[in-house]
Amino acid sequence: MSAHAAGALSRIDVTSWIGGYPFRDVPHPEPDILVRVLEREGFTGAWVGHLPGAFHRDPVPSNRALYAALKAHRDVLHPAPMVRPDWPKWEEMLRTAVDEGAPAIRVYPTLWGLGSGHMALAELAHACGEAGVAMHFTVRFEDLRQRHALDSAGDLTAAHVRQVARLASPVRVVVAGASRELIEEVHWGLTPEEQARVWYDWHWVWGPPEDHFAHLVRTVGRDRLAWSSWWPLRLTQQAQALVDLLPPELATGAFGHGGVVSQR
């Protein structure tokens, strides 16, 4: 079995967006283009966020725009709207996400000024666990060396993820854009039960010659790793290239098992 065929069993893209990026031009951020990209790269669907809304104070207008833009493509593009837990009526944002069939909600603590111990994040985690919706965290949108001077929020920390994963609530957590170092800092700081509720996309992990990805497959395990395209911010072929470059003994088997891509 080829690496591509092995990964096709759970080929849901957990990290993609539509809409423009405030700090540079991005190619074709329209939903109909994303549908074609997913088909080209062998994805069966995607969890889609609204990229410009990540930088807005109030998520509601962006969420509305997301639902409307994806309406014609709901068989492939699944909305992953934002829920800001320190904002008025955030519970209503979550209820609307559930009603819209969202498999996950996007959370951007560093952009919103929420520390790892903020009680609002814990409240949101409990609510997501009860609703059966995953929490999706983005570590970064761009490398620090490429960021615009106005993009001053820091990267998501391992503490943010660990605090949520350690809650008794059975919330599923997806971490996008993490390096090997951050993945290990989160994973090895959790109990086995907590580890089983956290997945990581590997789009920002190094391949050969450092072979960070192969190391994570051996140690953290492929069940904790989830497919992503990172459209429109990064080359969509990155995830597949890292799989294709795995050593032969690691080249078979599916990624992202354990329920991260299960649809509500």
C-alpha atoms as a PDB file:
ATOM      1  CA  MET A   1       0.000   0.000   0.000  1.00  0.00           C
ATOM      2  CA  SER A   2       1.350   3.413  -0.909  1.00  0.00           C
ATOM      3  CA  ALA A   3       1.646   6.179   1.648  1.00  0.00           C
ATOM      4  CA  HIS A   4      -0.985   8.157  -0.254  1.00  0.00           C
ATOM      5  CA  ALA A   5      -3.448   5.270  -0.232  1.00  0.00           C
ATOM      6  CA  ALA A   6      -2.780   4.580   3.435  1.00  0.00           C
ATOM      7  CA  GLY A   7      -3.623   8.152   4.372  1.00  0.00           C
ATOM      8  CA  ALA A   8      -6.767   8.284   2.230  1.00  0.00           C
ATOM      9  CA  LEU A   9      -8.792   6.352   4.796  1.00  0.00           C
ATOM     10  CA  SER A  10      -9.208   9.455   6.988  1.00  0.00           C
ATOM     11  CA  ARG A  11      -8.395  12.207   4.516  1.00  0.00           C
ATOM     12  CA  ILE A  12     -10.243  15.069   6.170  1.00  0.00           C
ATOM     13  CA  ASP A  13      -8.377  18.382   6.055  1.00  0.00           C
ATOM     14  CA  VAL A  14      -8.616  19.768   9.592  1.00  0.00           C
ATOM     15  CA  THR A  15      -6.917  23.107   8.842  1.00  0.00           C
ATOM     16  CA  SER A  16      -7.970  25.349   5.971  1.00  0.00           C
ATOM     17  CA  TRP A  17      -9.558  28.767   5.568  1.00  0.00           C
ATOM     18  CA  ILE A  18     -11.436  30.922   3.131  1.00  0.00           C
ATOM     19  CA  GLY A  19     -11.132  34.688   2.859  1.00  0.00           C
ATOM     20  CA  GLY A  20      -8.254  37.121   2.677  1.00  0.00           C
ATOM     21  CA  TYR A  21      -5.260  37.515   4.965  1.00  0.00           C
ATOM     22  CA  PRO A  22      -4.673  41.013   6.392  1.00  0.00           C
ATOM     23  CA  PHE A  23      -0.893  41.083   6.008  1.00  0.00           C
ATOM     24  CA  ARG A  24      -0.205  39.723   2.516  1.00  0.00           C
ATOM     25  CA  ASP A  25      -1.955  38.553  -0.600  1.00  0.00           C
ATOM     26  CA  VAL A  26      -3.022  34.900  -0.676  1.00  0.00           C
ATOM     27  CA  PRO A  27      -4.002  33.030  -3.845  1.00  0.00           C
ATOM     28  CA  HIS A  28      -7.633  32.151  -4.532  1.00  0.00           C
ATOM     29  CA  PRO A  29      -9.172  32.116  -1.036  1.00  0.00           C
ATOM     30  CA  GLU A  30     -12.636  31.346  -2.451  1.00  0.00           C
ATOM     31  CA  PRO A  31     -14.573  28.244  -1.350  1.00  0.00           C
ATOM     32  CA  ASP A  32     -15.105  26.893  -4.871  1.00  0.00           C
ATOM     33  CA  ILE A  33     -11.339  26.959  -5.420  1.00  0.00           C
ATOM     34  CA  LEU A  34     -10.792  25.154  -2.111  1.00  0.00           C
ATOM     35  CA  VAL A  35     -13.165  22.393  -3.242  1.00  0.00           C
ATOM     36  CA  ARG A  36     -11.038  21.876  -6.356  1.00  0.00           C
ATOM     37  CA  VAL A  37      -7.816  21.920  -4.330  1.00  0.00           C
ATOM     38  CA  LEU A  38      -9.161  19.276  -1.955  1.00  0.00           C
ATOM     39  CA  GLU A  39     -10.167  17.032  -4.840  1.00  0.00           C
ATOM     40  CA  ARG A  40      -6.761  17.459  -6.463  1.00  0.00           C
ATOM     41  CA  GLU A  41      -4.918  16.565  -3.253  1.00  0.00           C
ATOM     42  CA  GLY A  42      -7.105  13.579  -2.377  1.00  0.00           C
ATOM     43  CA  PHE A  43      -9.041  15.074   0.550  1.00  0.00           C
ATOM     44  CA  THR A  44     -12.635  14.017   1.097  1.00  0.00           C
ATOM     45  CA  GLY A  45     -13.587  17.146   3.029  1.00  0.00           C
ATOM     46  CA  ALA A  46     -12.282  20.022   5.118  1.00  0.00           C
ATOM     47  CA  TRP A  47     -12.872  21.923   8.356  1.00  0.00           C
ATOM     48  CA  VAL A  48     -12.921  25.494   7.092  1.00  0.00           C
ATOM     49  CA  GLY A  49     -12.372  28.699   9.039  1.00  0.00           C
ATOM     50  CA  HIS A  50     -12.794  32.351   8.078  1.00  0.00           C
ATOM     51  CA  LEU A  51      -9.277  33.760   7.829  1.00  0.00           C
ATOM     52  CA  PRO A  52      -9.897  37.525   8.105  1.00  0.00           C
ATOM     53  CA  GLY A  53     -12.217  37.018  11.074  1.00  0.00           C
ATOM     54  CA  ALA A  54      -9.381  35.659  13.192  1.00  0.00           C
ATOM     55  CA  PHE A  55      -8.130  39.247  13.477  1.00  0.00           C
ATOM     56  CA  HIS A  56     -11.492  40.824  14.290  1.00  0.00           C
ATOM     57  CA  ARG A  57     -12.632  41.525  17.845  1.00  0.00           C
ATOM     58  CA  ASP A  58     -16.182  40.289  17.277  1.00  0.00           C
ATOM     59  CA  PRO A  59     -16.391  36.842  15.626  1.00  0.00           C
ATOM     60  CA  VAL A  60     -20.127  36.931  14.840  1.00  0.00           C
ATOM     61  CA  PRO A  61     -20.059  38.774  11.467  1.00  0.00           C
ATOM     62  CA  SER A  62     -17.233  36.561  10.231  1.00  0.00           C
ATOM     63  CA  ASN A  63     -19.071  33.422  11.300  1.00  0.00           C
ATOM     64  CA  ARG A  64     -22.143  34.569   9.402  1.00  0.00           C
ATOM     65  CA  ALA A  65     -20.004  35.173   6.319  1.00  0.00           C
ATOM     66  CA  LEU A  66     -18.472  31.707   6.710  1.00  0.00           C
ATOM     67  CA  TYR A  67     -21.819  29.915   6.902  1.00  0.00           C
ATOM     68  CA  ALA A  68     -23.121  31.800   3.867  1.00  0.00           C
ATOM     69  CA  ALA A  69     -19.987  31.219   1.782  1.00  0.00           C
ATOM     70  CA  LEU A  70     -19.945  27.460   2.431  1.00  0.00           C
ATOM     71  CA  LYS A  71     -23.662  26.911   1.909  1.00  0.00           C
ATOM     72  CA  ALA A  72     -23.273  25.620  -1.643  1.00  0.00           C
ATOM     73  CA  HIS A  73     -20.448  23.231  -0.689  1.00  0.00           C
ATOM     74  CA  ARG A  74     -21.572  21.722   2.625  1.00  0.00           C
ATOM     75  CA  ASP A  75     -21.033  18.159   1.374  1.00  0.00           C
ATOM     76  CA  VAL A  76     -17.275  18.898   1.292  1.00  0.00           C
ATOM     77  CA  LEU A  77     -16.621  22.098   3.253  1.00  0.00           C
ATOM     78  CA  HIS A  78     -17.602  21.876   6.930  1.00  0.00           C
ATOM     79  CA  PRO A  79     -17.690  25.187   8.831  1.00  0.00           C
ATOM     80  CA  ALA A  80     -15.286  25.626  11.729  1.00  0.00           C
ATOM     81  CA  PRO A  81     -16.448  28.999  13.079  1.00  0.00           C
ATOM     82  CA  MET A  82     -14.907  30.998  15.892  1.00  0.00           C
ATOM     83  CA  VAL A  83     -16.240  31.043  19.432  1.00  0.00           C
ATOM     84  CA  ARG A  84     -14.653  33.706  21.622  1.00  0.00           C
ATOM     85  CA  PRO A  85     -15.408  32.732  25.232  1.00  0.00           C
ATOM     86  CA  ASP A  86     -14.713  36.154  26.767  1.00  0.00           C
ATOM     87  CA  TRP A  87     -17.191  37.832  24.422  1.00  0.00           C
ATOM     88  CA  PRO A  88     -20.839  38.548  25.220  1.00  0.00           C
ATOM     89  CA  LYS A  89     -23.245  35.772  24.220  1.00  0.00           C
ATOM     90  CA  TRP A  90     -20.486  33.312  23.328  1.00  0.00           C
ATOM     91  CA  GLU A  91     -22.864  30.505  24.259  1.00  0.00           C
ATOM     92  CA  GLU A  92     -25.078  31.653  21.397  1.00  0.00           C
ATOM     93  CA  MET A  93     -22.084  31.463  19.023  1.00  0.00           C
ATOM     94  CA  LEU A  94     -21.548  27.847  20.078  1.00  0.00           C
ATOM     95  CA  ARG A  95     -25.232  26.945  19.742  1.00  0.00           C
ATOM     96  CA  THR A  96     -25.268  28.400  16.235  1.00  0.00           C
ATOM     97  CA  ALA A  97     -22.139  26.402  15.349  1.00  0.00           C
ATOM     98  CA  VAL A  98     -23.820  23.215  16.537  1.00  0.00           C
ATOM     99  CA  ASP A  99     -26.975  24.034  14.586  1.00  0.00           C
ATOM    100  CA  GLU A 100     -24.847  24.641  11.476  1.00  0.00           C
ATOM    101  CA  GLY A 101     -23.278  21.182  11.838  1.00  0.00           C
ATOM    102  CA  ALA A 102     -19.782  22.411  12.699  1.00  0.00           C
ATOM    103  CA  PRO A 103     -17.406  19.534  13.611  1.00  0.00           C
ATOM    104  CA  ALA A 104     -15.087  21.991  15.377  1.00  0.00           C
ATOM    105  CA  ILE A 105     -14.814  25.593  16.497  1.00  0.00           C
ATOM    106  CA  ARG A 106     -11.744  27.808  16.067  1.00  0.00           C
ATOM    107  CA  VAL A 107     -10.147  29.405  19.110  1.00  0.00           C
ATOM    108  CA  TYR A 108      -7.379  32.046  18.912  1.00  0.00           C
ATOM    109  CA  PRO A 109      -6.372  32.811  22.531  1.00  0.00           C
ATOM    110  CA  THR A 110      -3.246  34.819  21.782  1.00  0.00           C
ATOM    111  CA  LEU A 111      -5.060  37.068  19.300  1.00  0.00           C
ATOM    112  CA  TRP A 112      -7.760  37.646  21.908  1.00  0.00           C
ATOM    113  CA  GLY A 113      -5.349  38.246  24.785  1.00  0.00           C
ATOM    114  CA  LEU A 114      -6.391  35.145  26.730  1.00  0.00           C
ATOM    115  CA  GLY A 115      -3.697  33.536  28.872  1.00  0.00           C
ATOM    116  CA  SER A 116      -3.412  29.787  29.276  1.00  0.00           C
ATOM    117  CA  GLY A 117      -5.147  29.866  32.646  1.00  0.00           C
ATOM    118  CA  HIS A 118      -8.078  32.052  31.600  1.00  0.00           C
ATOM    119  CA  MET A 119     -11.283  30.618  33.033  1.00  0.00           C
ATOM    120  CA  ALA A 120     -13.213  31.443  29.873  1.00  0.00           C
ATOM    121  CA  LEU A 121     -11.207  28.823  27.976  1.00  0.00           C
ATOM    122  CA  ALA A 122     -12.097  26.202  30.573  1.00  0.00           C
ATOM    123  CA  GLU A 123     -15.783  27.130  30.346  1.00  0.00           C
ATOM    124  CA  LEU A 124     -15.669  26.865  26.569  1.00  0.00           C
ATOM    125  CA  ALA A 125     -13.909  23.496  26.742  1.00  0.00           C
ATOM    126  CA  HIS A 126     -16.595  22.069  28.999  1.00  0.00           C
ATOM    127  CA  ALA A 127     -19.315  23.394  26.700  1.00  0.00           C
ATOM    128  CA  CYS A 128     -17.625  21.953  23.600  1.00  0.00           C
ATOM    129  CA  GLY A 129     -17.251  18.594  25.318  1.00  0.00           C
ATOM    130  CA  GLU A 130     -20.944  18.503  26.108  1.00  0.00           C
ATOM    131  CA  ALA A 131     -21.849  19.586  22.565  1.00  0.00           C
ATOM    132  CA  GLY A 132     -19.526  17.062  20.897  1.00  0.00           C
ATOM    133  CA  VAL A 133     -17.594  19.775  19.070  1.00  0.00           C
ATOM    134  CA  ALA A 134     -13.790  19.806  18.858  1.00  0.00           C
ATOM    135  CA  MET A 135     -11.681  22.836  19.825  1.00  0.00           C
ATOM    136  CA  HIS A 136      -9.227  23.854  17.113  1.00  0.00           C
ATOM    137  CA  PHE A 137      -6.180  25.913  18.133  1.00  0.00           C
ATOM    138  CA  THR A 138      -3.774  27.586  15.673  1.00  0.00           C
ATOM    139  CA  VAL A 139      -0.214  28.042  16.911  1.00  0.00           C
ATOM    140  CA  ARG A 140       0.702  30.607  14.246  1.00  0.00           C
ATOM    141  CA  PHE A 141      -0.300  31.777  10.800  1.00  0.00           C
ATOM    142  CA  GLU A 142       3.194  32.763   9.687  1.00  0.00           C
ATOM    143  CA  ASP A 143       6.739  32.214  10.832  1.00  0.00           C
ATOM    144  CA  LEU A 144       7.957  34.954  13.178  1.00  0.00           C
ATOM    145  CA  ARG A 145      10.569  36.018  10.611  1.00  0.00           C
ATOM    146  CA  GLN A 146       7.857  36.697   8.000  1.00  0.00           C
ATOM    147  CA  ARG A 147       5.300  38.487  10.135  1.00  0.00           C
ATOM    148  CA  HIS A 148       4.130  42.004   9.508  1.00  0.00           C
ATOM    149  CA  ALA A 149       5.012  44.492  12.236  1.00  0.00           C
ATOM    150  CA  LEU A 150       1.318  44.909  13.057  1.00  0.00           C
ATOM    151  CA  ASP A 151       0.916  41.168  13.610  1.00  0.00           C
ATOM    152  CA  SER A 152       2.147  41.369  17.181  1.00  0.00           C
ATOM    153  CA  ALA A 153       0.364  38.463  18.913  1.00  0.00           C
ATOM    154  CA  GLY A 154       2.687  35.696  20.024  1.00  0.00           C
ATOM    155  CA  ASP A 155       2.469  32.015  19.177  1.00  0.00           C
ATOM    156  CA  LEU A 156       0.068  29.744  21.018  1.00  0.00           C
ATOM    157  CA  THR A 157       1.841  28.089  23.957  1.00  0.00           C
ATOM    158  CA  ALA A 158       1.904  24.467  25.037  1.00  0.00           C
ATOM    159  CA  ALA A 159       0.342  25.594  28.320  1.00  0.00           C
ATOM    160  CA  HIS A 160      -2.814  26.723  26.484  1.00  0.00           C
ATOM    161  CA  VAL A 161      -3.318  23.243  25.058  1.00  0.00           C
ATOM    162  CA  ARG A 162      -2.375  21.343  28.201  1.00  0.00           C
ATOM    163  CA  GLN A 163      -4.768  23.352  30.374  1.00  0.00           C
ATOM    164  CA  VAL A 164      -7.697  22.403  28.134  1.00  0.00           C
ATOM    165  CA  ALA A 165      -6.616  18.779  27.668  1.00  0.00           C
ATOM    166  CA  ARG A 166      -6.303  18.286  31.433  1.00  0.00           C
ATOM    167  CA  LEU A 167      -9.930  19.147  32.075  1.00  0.00           C
ATOM    168  CA  ALA A 168     -12.257  16.317  32.992  1.00  0.00           C
ATOM    169  CA  SER A 169     -14.486  17.271  30.073  1.00  0.00           C
ATOM    170  CA  PRO A 170     -14.156  14.860  27.112  1.00  0.00           C
ATOM    171  CA  VAL A 171     -13.464  17.682  24.646  1.00  0.00           C
ATOM    172  CA  ARG A 172     -11.380  16.804  21.588  1.00  0.00           C
ATOM    173  CA  VAL A 173      -8.534  19.218  20.788  1.00  0.00           C
ATOM    174  CA  VAL A 174      -6.810  19.830  17.445  1.00  0.00           C
ATOM    175  CA  VAL A 175      -3.578  21.834  17.302  1.00  0.00           C
ATOM    176  CA  ALA A 176      -2.583  23.363  13.960  1.00  0.00           C
ATOM    177  CA  GLY A 177       0.825  24.662  12.989  1.00  0.00           C
ATOM    178  CA  ALA A 178       2.846  23.182  15.844  1.00  0.00           C
ATOM    179  CA  SER A 179       6.528  22.307  15.595  1.00  0.00           C
ATOM    180  CA  ARG A 180       7.982  19.035  16.844  1.00  0.00           C
ATOM    181  CA  GLU A 181       9.122  20.815  20.002  1.00  0.00           C
ATOM    182  CA  LEU A 182       5.665  22.153  20.873  1.00  0.00           C
ATOM    183  CA  ILE A 183       3.971  18.832  20.057  1.00  0.00           C
ATOM    184  CA  GLU A 184       6.342  17.018  22.398  1.00  0.00           C
ATOM    185  CA  GLU A 185       5.959  19.650  25.097  1.00  0.00           C
ATOM    186  CA  VAL A 186       2.202  19.155  25.028  1.00  0.00           C
ATOM    187  CA  HIS A 187       2.082  15.387  24.513  1.00  0.00           C
ATOM    188  CA  TRP A 188       4.608  14.322  27.135  1.00  0.00           C
ATOM    189  CA  GLY A 189       3.087  16.712  29.671  1.00  0.00           C
ATOM    190  CA  LEU A 190      -0.238  14.833  29.583  1.00  0.00           C
ATOM    191  CA  THR A 191      -1.463  11.535  30.934  1.00  0.00           C
ATOM    192  CA  PRO A 192      -2.284   8.768  28.401  1.00  0.00           C
ATOM    193  CA  GLU A 193      -5.988   9.506  28.784  1.00  0.00           C
ATOM    194  CA  GLU A 194      -5.392  13.207  28.122  1.00  0.00           C
ATOM    195  CA  GLN A 195      -3.067  12.468  25.198  1.00  0.00           C
ATOM    196  CA  ALA A 196      -5.837  10.493  23.521  1.00  0.00           C
ATOM    197  CA  ARG A 197      -7.977  13.653  23.240  1.00  0.00           C
ATOM    198  CA  VAL A 198      -5.396  15.756  21.378  1.00  0.00           C
ATOM    199  CA  TRP A 199      -4.436  15.653  17.697  1.00  0.00           C
ATOM    200  CA  TYR A 200      -1.843  17.682  15.758  1.00  0.00           C
ATOM    201  CA  ASP A 201      -1.617  18.562  12.098  1.00  0.00           C
ATOM    202  CA  TRP A 202       1.975  18.218  10.863  1.00  0.00           C
ATOM    203  CA  HIS A 203       2.151  20.972   8.247  1.00  0.00           C
ATOM    204  CA  TRP A 204       4.814  22.917  10.170  1.00  0.00           C
ATOM    205  CA  VAL A 205       6.933  19.903  11.138  1.00  0.00           C
ATOM    206  CA  TRP A 206      10.333  19.418   9.494  1.00  0.00           C
ATOM    207  CA  GLY A 207      11.031  16.411   7.304  1.00  0.00           C
ATOM    208  CA  PRO A 208      14.447  15.192   6.049  1.00  0.00           C
ATOM    209  CA  PRO A 209      17.231  15.677   6.880  1.00  0.00           C
ATOM    210  CA  GLU A 210      16.078  16.547  10.424  1.00  0.00           C
ATOM    211  CA  ASP A 211      13.309  13.920  10.157  1.00  0.00           C
ATOM    212  CA  HIS A 212      11.205  15.488  12.893  1.00  0.00           C
ATOM    213  CA  PHE A 213       8.070  14.067  11.285  1.00  0.00           C
ATOM    214  CA  ALA A 214       9.390  10.502  11.238  1.00  0.00           C
ATOM    215  CA  HIS A 215      10.426  10.917  14.869  1.00  0.00           C
ATOM    216  CA  LEU A 216       6.899  12.004  15.838  1.00  0.00           C
ATOM    217  CA  VAL A 217       5.341   9.083  13.952  1.00  0.00           C
ATOM    218  CA  ARG A 218       7.563   6.710  15.944  1.00  0.00           C
ATOM    219  CA  THR A 219       7.094   8.332  19.355  1.00  0.00           C
ATOM    220  CA  VAL A 220       3.852  10.303  19.547  1.00  0.00           C
ATOM    221  CA  GLY A 221       2.182   7.946  17.070  1.00  0.00           C
ATOM    222  CA  ARG A 222       0.334   8.374  13.789  1.00  0.00           C
ATOM    223  CA  ASP A 223      -3.021   8.173  15.586  1.00  0.00           C
ATOM    224  CA  ARG A 224      -2.287  11.579  17.113  1.00  0.00           C
ATOM    225  CA  LEU A 225      -1.508  13.180  13.742  1.00  0.00           C
ATOM    226  CA  ALA A 226      -4.173  14.671  11.461  1.00  0.00           C
ATOM    227  CA  TRP A 227      -4.149  15.652   7.798  1.00  0.00           C
ATOM    228  CA  SER A 228      -4.299  19.298   6.729  1.00  0.00           C
ATOM    229  CA  SER A 229      -3.875  21.435   3.619  1.00  0.00           C
ATOM    230  CA  TRP A 230      -3.337  24.867   5.256  1.00  0.00           C
ATOM    231  CA  TRP A 231      -4.947  26.462   2.211  1.00  0.00           C
ATOM    232  CA  PRO A 232      -4.499  29.290   1.283  1.00  0.00           C
ATOM    233  CA  LEU A 233      -1.497  30.155   3.498  1.00  0.00           C
ATOM    234  CA  ARG A 234       0.899  27.306   2.667  1.00  0.00           C
ATOM    235  CA  LEU A 235       1.645  24.786  -0.070  1.00  0.00           C
ATOM    236  CA  THR A 236      -1.005  22.085   0.165  1.00  0.00           C
ATOM    237  CA  GLN A 237       1.453  19.373  -0.910  1.00  0.00           C
ATOM    238  CA  GLN A 238       3.537  19.763   2.258  1.00  0.00           C
ATOM    239  CA  ALA A 239       1.643  17.183   4.320  1.00  0.00           C
ATOM    240  CA  GLN A 240       1.703  14.535   1.584  1.00  0.00           C
ATOM    241  CA  ALA A 241       5.397  15.185   0.867  1.00  0.00           C
ATOM    242  CA  LEU A 242       6.313  14.449   4.469  1.00  0.00           C
ATOM    243  CA  VAL A 243       4.374  11.173   4.331  1.00  0.00           C
ATOM    244  CA  ASP A 244       6.034  10.210   1.042  1.00  0.00           C
ATOM    245  CA  LEU A 245       9.479  10.839   2.593  1.00  0.00           C
ATOM    246  CA  LEU A 246       8.924   8.561   5.586  1.00  0.00           C
ATOM    247  CA  PRO A 247      11.320   5.627   5.979  1.00  0.00           C
ATOM    248  CA  PRO A 248       9.913   2.377   4.503  1.00  0.00           C
ATOM    249  CA  GLU A 249       9.121   0.897   7.910  1.00  0.00           C
ATOM    250  CA  LEU A 250       6.828   3.861   8.656  1.00  0.00           C
ATOM    251  CA  ALA A 251       5.258   4.243   5.215  1.00  0.00           C
ATOM    252  CA  THR A 252       2.067   2.248   5.823  1.00  0.00           C
ATOM    253  CA  GLY A 253      -0.900   2.923   8.054  1.00  0.00           C
ATOM    254  CA  ALA A 254      -3.477   5.667   8.361  1.00  0.00           C
ATOM    255  CA  PHE A 255      -3.258   8.939  10.260  1.00  0.00           C
ATOM    256  CA  GLY A 256      -5.801  10.721  12.391  1.00  0.00           C
ATOM    257  CA  HIS A 257      -7.642   7.761  13.921  1.00  0.00           C
ATOM    258  CA  GLY A 258      -9.462   7.948  17.243  1.00  0.00           C
ATOM    259  CA  GLY A 259     -12.381  10.140  16.258  1.00  0.00           C
ATOM    260  CA  VAL A 260     -10.867  13.515  15.365  1.00  0.00           C
ATOM    261  CA  VAL A 261     -12.444  13.421  11.901  1.00  0.00           C
ATOM    262  CA  SER A 262     -15.741  11.859  12.923  1.00  0.00           C
ATOM    263  CA  GLN A 263     -18.695  13.963  11.807  1.00  0.00           C
ATOM    264  CA  ARG A 264     -21.398  14.976  14.204  1.00  0.00           C
END
